[in-house]
Protein backbone atom coordinates (compact mmCIF):
# COMPACT_ATOMS: atom_id res chain seq x y z
CA MET A 1 0.00 0.00 0.00
CA LYS A 2 1.31 3.41 -0.98
CA LYS A 3 0.93 5.83 1.89
CA ILE A 4 2.03 9.31 2.90
CA GLY A 5 1.53 11.54 5.89
CA LEU A 6 -0.20 14.91 5.79
CA ILE A 7 0.21 17.85 8.14
CA ALA A 8 -3.10 19.58 7.47
CA GLY A 9 -3.90 23.22 8.12
CA GLY A 10 -7.06 25.10 7.18
CA GLY A 11 -8.76 25.68 3.85
CA LYS A 12 -9.55 23.37 0.94
CA LEU A 13 -6.06 22.24 0.00
CA PRO A 14 -5.68 19.37 2.51
CA LEU A 15 -9.02 17.98 1.32
CA LEU A 16 -8.10 18.35 -2.35
CA LEU A 17 -4.70 16.75 -1.86
CA SER A 18 -6.25 13.82 -0.01
CA LYS A 19 -8.85 13.27 -2.74
CA GLU A 20 -6.24 13.44 -5.52
CA ALA A 21 -3.92 11.07 -3.65
CA ASN A 22 -6.78 8.62 -3.14
CA LYS A 23 -7.38 8.58 -6.91
CA ASN A 24 -3.80 7.35 -7.32
CA GLY A 25 -4.26 4.65 -4.70
CA THR A 26 -2.24 6.50 -2.08
CA LYS A 27 -3.51 6.35 1.49
CA ILE A 28 -3.28 9.43 3.68
CA PHE A 29 -2.43 9.49 7.38
CA ALA A 30 -3.23 13.00 8.60
CA ALA A 31 -1.95 15.01 11.52
CA ALA A 32 -4.67 17.67 11.46
CA ILE A 33 -4.26 21.02 13.20
CA SER A 34 -7.45 21.10 15.25
CA GLU A 35 -7.83 24.89 15.26
CA TYR A 36 -7.87 25.06 11.46
CA ALA A 37 -8.26 21.77 9.56
CA SER A 38 -11.68 20.87 8.15
CA PRO A 39 -13.69 18.22 10.04
CA GLN A 40 -14.47 16.74 6.60
CA LEU A 41 -10.87 15.62 6.31
CA LYS A 42 -11.63 12.53 8.37
CA ASN A 43 -13.74 11.23 5.46
CA GLU A 44 -10.83 11.39 3.01
CA VAL A 45 -8.00 9.80 4.99
CA GLU A 46 -7.02 6.38 6.27
CA GLU A 47 -6.29 7.65 9.77
CA ILE A 48 -6.40 11.05 11.41
CA LYS A 49 -4.99 12.51 14.62
CA TRP A 50 -6.17 15.92 15.76
CA LEU A 51 -3.39 18.03 17.26
CA ARG A 52 -2.80 21.60 18.31
CA VAL A 53 -0.39 23.74 16.36
CA GLY A 54 3.11 23.56 17.84
CA GLU A 55 2.88 19.95 19.09
CA PHE A 56 5.94 18.73 17.21
CA GLU A 57 6.61 15.66 19.34
CA GLN A 58 3.02 14.48 18.93
CA ILE A 59 3.11 14.99 15.17
CA ALA A 60 6.41 13.17 14.70
CA GLY A 61 5.29 10.37 17.03
CA PHE A 62 2.04 9.87 15.10
CA PHE A 63 3.79 9.48 11.77
CA LYS A 64 6.38 7.09 13.16
CA SER A 65 3.66 4.96 14.75
CA CYS A 66 1.98 4.71 11.33
CA GLY A 67 5.22 3.81 9.56
CA ILE A 68 5.20 7.05 7.57
CA SER A 69 8.45 8.43 6.17
CA LEU A 70 7.08 10.82 3.49
CA VAL A 71 4.87 13.74 4.53
CA ALA A 72 3.13 16.60 2.73
CA MET A 73 2.44 19.82 4.62
CA ILE A 74 -0.31 22.06 3.30
CA GLY A 75 -3.14 24.31 4.43
CA VAL A 76 -3.56 27.62 6.20
CA VAL A 77 -1.95 28.24 9.58
CA PRO A 78 -1.60 31.99 10.29
CA GLN A 79 1.97 33.15 10.73
CA SER A 80 0.72 35.51 13.44
CA LEU A 81 0.59 32.48 15.78
CA LEU A 82 4.33 32.91 16.18
CA LEU A 83 3.62 36.02 18.23
CA ASN A 84 2.19 33.88 21.04
CA ARG A 85 3.87 30.50 21.50
CA ALA A 86 2.53 29.58 24.95
CA ASP A 87 0.99 26.34 23.67
CA PHE A 88 4.01 25.22 21.63
CA ASP A 89 5.93 22.23 22.96
CA ASP A 90 9.50 22.54 24.22
CA ARG A 91 11.00 21.19 21.02
CA ILE A 92 9.32 23.76 18.79
CA ASN A 93 10.07 26.61 21.20
CA SER A 94 13.72 25.56 21.34
CA LEU A 95 13.84 25.41 17.56
CA LEU A 96 12.26 28.84 17.13
CA SER A 97 14.51 30.43 19.73
CA GLN A 98 17.49 29.56 17.53
CA LEU A 99 16.11 31.47 14.54
CA GLU A 100 17.08 35.11 14.20
CA ILE A 101 14.37 35.74 11.58
CA LYS A 102 11.05 34.00 12.17
CA GLN A 103 9.47 34.37 8.75
CA THR A 104 7.55 31.60 6.96
CA GLU A 105 10.43 30.17 4.94
CA SER A 106 12.91 30.06 7.81
CA VAL A 107 10.43 28.60 10.32
CA LEU A 108 9.08 25.90 8.00
CA GLY A 109 12.57 25.10 6.77
CA ALA A 110 13.70 24.53 10.35
CA ILE A 111 10.68 22.30 11.01
CA ALA A 112 11.48 20.31 7.85
CA SER A 113 15.05 19.80 9.08
CA GLU A 114 13.79 18.70 12.49
CA LEU A 115 11.39 16.20 10.91
CA SER A 116 14.28 14.86 8.84
CA ARG A 117 16.12 14.05 12.05
CA GLU A 118 13.16 11.84 12.93
CA GLY A 119 13.41 10.02 9.59
CA ILE A 120 10.48 11.95 8.11
CA GLU A 121 10.94 13.71 4.77
CA LEU A 122 8.70 16.54 3.59
CA ILE A 123 7.58 16.22 -0.04
CA ASP A 124 6.36 18.70 -2.66
CA SER A 125 2.55 18.75 -2.47
CA ARG A 126 2.28 19.81 -6.12
CA LYS A 127 2.82 16.17 -7.07
CA TYR A 128 -0.83 15.64 -6.13
CA LEU A 129 -2.16 19.05 -7.17
CA SER A 130 -1.08 19.43 -10.80
CA ALA A 131 -4.72 19.84 -11.88
CA PHE A 132 -4.82 23.13 -9.96
CA LEU A 133 -1.69 24.65 -11.56
CA PRO A 134 -2.77 26.50 -14.76
CA GLN A 135 -0.56 26.83 -17.82
CA PRO A 136 0.66 30.21 -19.18
CA GLY A 137 -1.82 32.49 -20.89
CA VAL A 138 -4.78 34.76 -20.21
CA LEU A 139 -7.57 32.81 -18.50
CA THR A 140 -10.24 35.49 -18.95
CA LYS A 141 -12.00 37.28 -21.78
CA ARG A 142 -10.23 40.55 -21.10
CA LYS A 143 -6.54 40.83 -21.86
CA PRO A 144 -4.28 43.24 -19.94
CA THR A 145 -3.53 46.66 -21.43
CA GLU A 146 0.02 47.82 -22.18
CA ARG A 147 -0.01 49.88 -18.99
CA GLU A 148 -1.14 46.89 -16.96
CA LEU A 149 1.53 44.67 -18.54
CA LYS A 150 4.15 47.20 -17.42
CA ASP A 151 2.76 47.08 -13.89
CA ILE A 152 2.88 43.27 -13.95
CA GLU A 153 6.54 43.35 -14.96
CA LEU A 154 7.32 45.91 -12.26
CA GLY A 155 5.54 43.79 -9.67
CA ARG A 156 7.48 40.70 -10.69
CA LYS A 157 10.76 42.61 -10.55
CA ILE A 158 10.09 43.96 -7.07
CA LEU A 159 8.96 40.60 -5.69
CA ARG A 160 12.13 39.00 -7.08
CA GLU A 161 14.26 41.72 -5.48
CA ILE A 162 12.71 41.34 -2.02
CA SER A 163 12.45 37.56 -2.27
CA PRO A 164 15.60 36.87 -0.19
CA LEU A 165 14.04 38.85 2.68
CA ASP A 166 11.16 36.31 2.95
CA ILE A 167 8.57 39.07 3.35
CA GLY A 168 5.63 38.10 1.16
CA GLN A 169 4.34 36.82 -2.16
CA THR A 170 1.89 39.53 -3.22
CA ILE A 171 2.21 43.11 -4.42
CA LEU A 172 -0.32 45.74 -5.57
CA ILE A 173 0.65 48.35 -8.16
CA LYS A 174 -1.16 51.01 -10.17
CA ASN A 175 0.41 53.12 -12.91
CA GLY A 176 3.91 52.27 -11.74
CA ILE A 177 3.18 53.14 -8.10
CA ILE A 178 3.65 50.50 -5.40
CA LEU A 179 0.56 50.42 -3.20
CA SER A 180 1.16 47.49 -0.84
CA ILE A 181 3.40 44.48 -0.32
CA GLU A 182 2.24 41.45 1.63
CA ALA A 183 3.69 40.92 5.10
CA ILE A 184 2.46 38.85 8.05
CA GLU A 185 -1.18 39.91 7.51
CA GLY A 186 -1.72 37.70 4.44
CA THR A 187 -2.91 38.20 0.86
CA ASP A 188 -6.46 39.42 1.51
CA SER A 189 -5.36 42.12 3.95
CA CYS A 190 -2.61 43.17 1.54
CA ILE A 191 -5.22 43.57 -1.21
CA HIS A 192 -7.52 45.57 1.08
CA ARG A 193 -4.67 47.86 2.12
CA GLY A 194 -3.51 48.58 -1.42
CA ALA A 195 -7.01 48.91 -2.84
CA ILE A 196 -7.84 51.73 -0.43
CA LEU A 197 -5.09 53.75 -2.09
CA ALA A 198 -5.82 52.62 -5.64
CA LYS A 199 -9.58 53.34 -5.47
CA SER A 200 -9.86 51.12 -8.56
CA GLY A 201 -7.73 49.46 -11.24
CA ALA A 202 -5.03 47.88 -9.04
CA VAL A 203 -2.73 45.28 -10.57
CA ILE A 204 -2.09 42.34 -8.25
CA VAL A 205 0.95 40.12 -8.76
CA LYS A 206 1.42 36.92 -6.77
CA MET A 207 4.44 34.68 -7.16
CA SER A 208 6.67 32.31 -5.23
CA LYS A 209 9.92 33.52 -3.78
CA SER A 210 13.00 32.96 -5.96
CA ARG A 211 14.44 30.35 -3.60
CA GLN A 212 11.15 29.17 -2.19
CA ASP A 213 11.01 25.61 -0.95
CA MET A 214 7.89 24.33 -2.68
CA ARG A 215 7.42 21.62 -0.06
CA PHE A 216 5.50 24.19 1.95
CA ASP A 217 3.80 27.58 1.73
CA ILE A 218 2.69 27.23 -1.90
CA PRO A 219 1.00 30.46 -3.04
CA VAL A 220 -2.77 30.10 -3.52
CA VAL A 221 -5.52 32.15 -5.17
CA GLY A 222 -9.10 31.27 -6.02
CA ALA A 223 -12.72 32.33 -6.24
CA LYS A 224 -12.45 33.99 -2.84
CA THR A 225 -9.56 36.12 -4.14
CA LEU A 226 -11.55 37.18 -7.21
CA THR A 227 -14.61 38.00 -5.10
CA LEU A 228 -12.46 40.35 -3.04
CA MET A 229 -10.90 41.83 -6.18
CA ARG A 230 -14.35 42.52 -7.60
CA LYS A 231 -15.37 44.22 -4.35
CA VAL A 232 -12.33 46.54 -4.34
CA LYS A 233 -12.46 47.10 -8.14
CA ALA A 234 -9.04 45.61 -8.86
CA ALA A 235 -8.15 45.10 -12.53
CA ILE A 236 -5.51 42.38 -12.88
CA LEU A 237 -4.43 39.18 -11.15
CA ALA A 238 -1.06 37.95 -12.44
CA ILE A 239 0.29 34.63 -11.18
CA GLU A 240 3.29 32.44 -11.88
CA LYS A 241 3.07 29.27 -13.97
CA GLU A 242 3.23 26.00 -11.98
CA LYS A 243 3.98 27.82 -8.72
CA VAL A 244 0.61 29.28 -7.75
CA ILE A 245 -2.39 27.04 -7.05
CA VAL A 246 -5.78 28.19 -8.36
CA LEU A 247 -8.77 26.91 -6.40
CA ASP A 248 -12.27 26.81 -7.91
CA LYS A 249 -10.80 27.86 -11.26
CA GLU A 250 -14.06 27.88 -13.25
CA LYS A 251 -15.83 29.94 -10.61
CA ALA A 252 -12.85 32.30 -10.30
CA VAL A 253 -12.78 32.91 -14.07
CA LYS A 254 -16.55 33.47 -14.13
CA ILE A 255 -16.30 36.09 -11.38
CA ALA A 256 -13.39 37.75 -13.19
CA ASN A 257 -15.23 37.87 -16.52
CA GLU A 258 -18.32 39.38 -14.91
CA ALA A 259 -16.18 42.06 -13.22
CA GLY A 260 -13.95 42.81 -16.22
CA ILE A 261 -10.88 41.50 -14.39
CA SER A 262 -8.02 39.91 -16.32
CA ILE A 263 -6.24 36.81 -14.95
CA VAL A 264 -2.77 36.31 -16.40
CA VAL A 265 -0.55 33.25 -15.93
CA TYR A 266 3.03 34.10 -16.88
CA GLU A 267 6.11 31.98 -17.53
């Protein structure tokens, strides 16, 4: 029997990964973060253990008891939790205390290294999610204007430049003016913040970091993103080929077309 472990956060991705893995005959053993993971996950996995975020010893022990050596880690767990670590176990707190910069990439990278010491290897979740990674092109009826294409290129350039700082994956631009860059608050709050300044017509670029470890923290957009963009009258969503997951693609494109938004997937 093919089997893998899953560290499951919130949102749809843990469910989608489990369903796609099941199609391939792969059984899932899930360590589900109780504050965030969907209760429905229990219906898609072979075995599930509900744990609190920061319980490293419990997570590692569960996978070892199930004979799991390969683990995917996906789903939403707010980075802001790092501001209050009272419920984290001693091993995680010790690990975090050694990190000078506690951004997503550095924290998850350290956790991956710690799991490796237990004989548990993190794998790239995209292996099971290829259906949600669109190919290059314009997904919507409306194509970007020349001005918008320039803003997309500027956004990509800036995100590449700041990538080593592990700040964020999203930027809002309008007419060559930077409106907001994602930090700890997340994509939606970044869009809200920039849209207040833009009033309308903001160009949103979302991409992975240049040295991003795709075993965790894969960028995600979807129908929810487009609903927000419609509300704030944004104009463009530009995402990177094979490195940004699109959830509810058909619904997202429908919302975009109705709102006159252009979705661009670039090389």
